[in-house]
Amino acid sequence: MRKRMMLRVATFLMVMVMMATATGCGDTKTINGVVYDTYGLINVEKKNLDIAYEPIWGNIIWGIILVETIIAPIYFFGFSMFEPIGKKSPIKGMVPN
């Protein structure tokens, strides 16, 4: 019975790790020949006001999970929290392509 419980916990943890690795890590994006990088709370100066960004939920989750390591949240929240998705639309409320 105890062996079966340990196997279930190990399986659950393995599935969680696989799901977490599938999400996360933002990518740079080239828009009209210009490369835009991810940004976070520390390097906000990389944000371009003409570009639409979205949160990288995988990195946010990893930052919360690894909060006790100190270094991981600094990286995830400080440098890789938002990724570029495209140019902002001139029409307010319209979703960019």
Protein backbone atom coordinates (compact mmCIF):
# COMPACT_ATOMS: atom_id res chain seq x y z
CA MET A 1 0.00 0.00 0.00
CA ARG A 2 2.79 2.44 0.87
CA LYS A 3 4.65 1.54 -2.31
CA ARG A 4 1.55 2.26 -4.38
CA MET A 5 1.14 5.70 -2.76
CA MET A 6 4.78 6.59 -3.44
CA LEU A 7 4.34 5.53 -7.07
CA ARG A 8 1.28 7.77 -7.41
CA VAL A 9 3.12 10.74 -5.92
CA ALA A 10 6.13 10.16 -8.18
CA THR A 11 3.87 9.88 -11.23
CA PHE A 12 2.02 13.05 -10.28
CA LEU A 13 5.28 14.96 -9.82
CA MET A 14 6.62 13.68 -13.15
CA VAL A 15 3.45 14.81 -14.96
CA MET A 16 3.64 18.23 -13.29
CA VAL A 17 7.28 18.67 -14.30
CA MET A 18 6.52 17.66 -17.89
CA MET A 19 3.61 20.12 -18.05
CA ALA A 20 5.70 22.89 -16.54
CA THR A 21 8.54 22.39 -19.01
CA ALA A 22 6.07 22.56 -21.89
CA THR A 23 5.04 26.03 -20.74
CA GLY A 24 7.31 28.90 -19.99
CA CYS A 25 10.31 30.54 -21.57
CA GLY A 26 9.52 33.50 -23.73
CA ASP A 27 10.94 33.99 -27.19
CA THR A 28 12.21 37.03 -28.98
CA LYS A 29 10.17 38.04 -32.00
CA THR A 30 11.16 39.73 -35.23
CA ILE A 31 8.58 42.27 -36.35
CA ASN A 32 9.24 44.19 -39.59
CA GLY A 33 12.94 43.28 -39.43
CA VAL A 34 13.41 44.47 -35.84
CA VAL A 35 14.07 41.94 -33.06
CA TYR A 36 12.11 42.54 -29.86
CA ASP A 37 13.12 40.75 -26.67
CA THR A 38 11.22 39.73 -23.55
CA TYR A 39 11.20 42.10 -20.61
CA GLY A 40 10.39 42.04 -16.92
CA LEU A 41 10.24 44.30 -13.91
CA ILE A 42 13.99 45.02 -13.87
CA ASN A 43 14.55 45.74 -17.57
CA VAL A 44 11.34 47.66 -18.38
CA GLU A 45 13.37 49.93 -20.65
CA LYS A 46 13.28 47.12 -23.26
CA LYS A 47 9.52 47.57 -23.60
CA ASN A 48 8.50 49.27 -26.83
CA LEU A 49 5.27 51.26 -26.63
CA ASP A 50 4.35 50.36 -30.23
CA ILE A 51 4.52 46.60 -29.58
CA ALA A 52 1.88 44.47 -27.84
CA TYR A 53 3.17 42.14 -25.12
CA GLU A 54 1.56 39.26 -23.24
CA PRO A 55 2.52 37.63 -19.95
CA ILE A 56 4.56 34.45 -20.05
CA TRP A 57 2.43 32.38 -17.70
CA GLY A 58 4.89 29.50 -17.56
CA ASN A 59 7.62 31.79 -16.26
CA ILE A 60 5.25 33.36 -13.75
CA ILE A 61 4.27 29.91 -12.44
CA TRP A 62 7.93 28.83 -12.27
CA GLY A 63 8.80 32.01 -10.40
CA ILE A 64 6.11 31.29 -7.83
CA ILE A 65 7.07 27.62 -7.48
CA LEU A 66 10.79 28.40 -7.14
CA VAL A 67 10.35 31.44 -4.88
CA GLU A 68 12.58 29.92 -2.19
CA THR A 69 15.57 29.70 -4.53
CA ILE A 70 15.70 33.51 -4.80
CA ILE A 71 17.59 33.44 -8.12
CA ALA A 72 14.82 31.89 -10.26
CA PRO A 73 12.17 34.50 -9.37
CA ILE A 74 14.63 37.31 -9.97
CA TYR A 75 15.24 36.00 -13.48
CA PHE A 76 11.61 35.14 -14.31
CA PHE A 77 10.00 38.27 -12.85
CA GLY A 78 12.89 40.62 -13.52
CA PHE A 79 13.92 39.76 -17.08
CA SER A 80 11.42 37.41 -18.71
CA MET A 81 7.86 38.17 -17.67
CA PHE A 82 6.36 39.53 -20.91
CA GLU A 83 6.97 38.53 -24.53
CA PRO A 84 6.25 40.48 -27.73
CA ILE A 85 3.32 39.26 -29.81
CA GLY A 86 3.06 41.89 -32.54
CA LYS A 87 2.49 45.52 -33.38
CA LYS A 88 -0.26 47.34 -31.50
CA SER A 89 -3.35 48.09 -33.53
CA PRO A 90 -4.15 51.74 -34.26
CA ILE A 91 -7.77 50.92 -33.33
CA LYS A 92 -8.17 50.76 -29.55
CA GLY A 93 -9.34 47.35 -28.34
CA MET A 94 -8.53 45.52 -31.58
CA VAL A 95 -6.41 42.40 -31.11
CA PRO A 96 -3.12 42.46 -33.11
CA ASN A 97 -2.42 39.74 -35.69
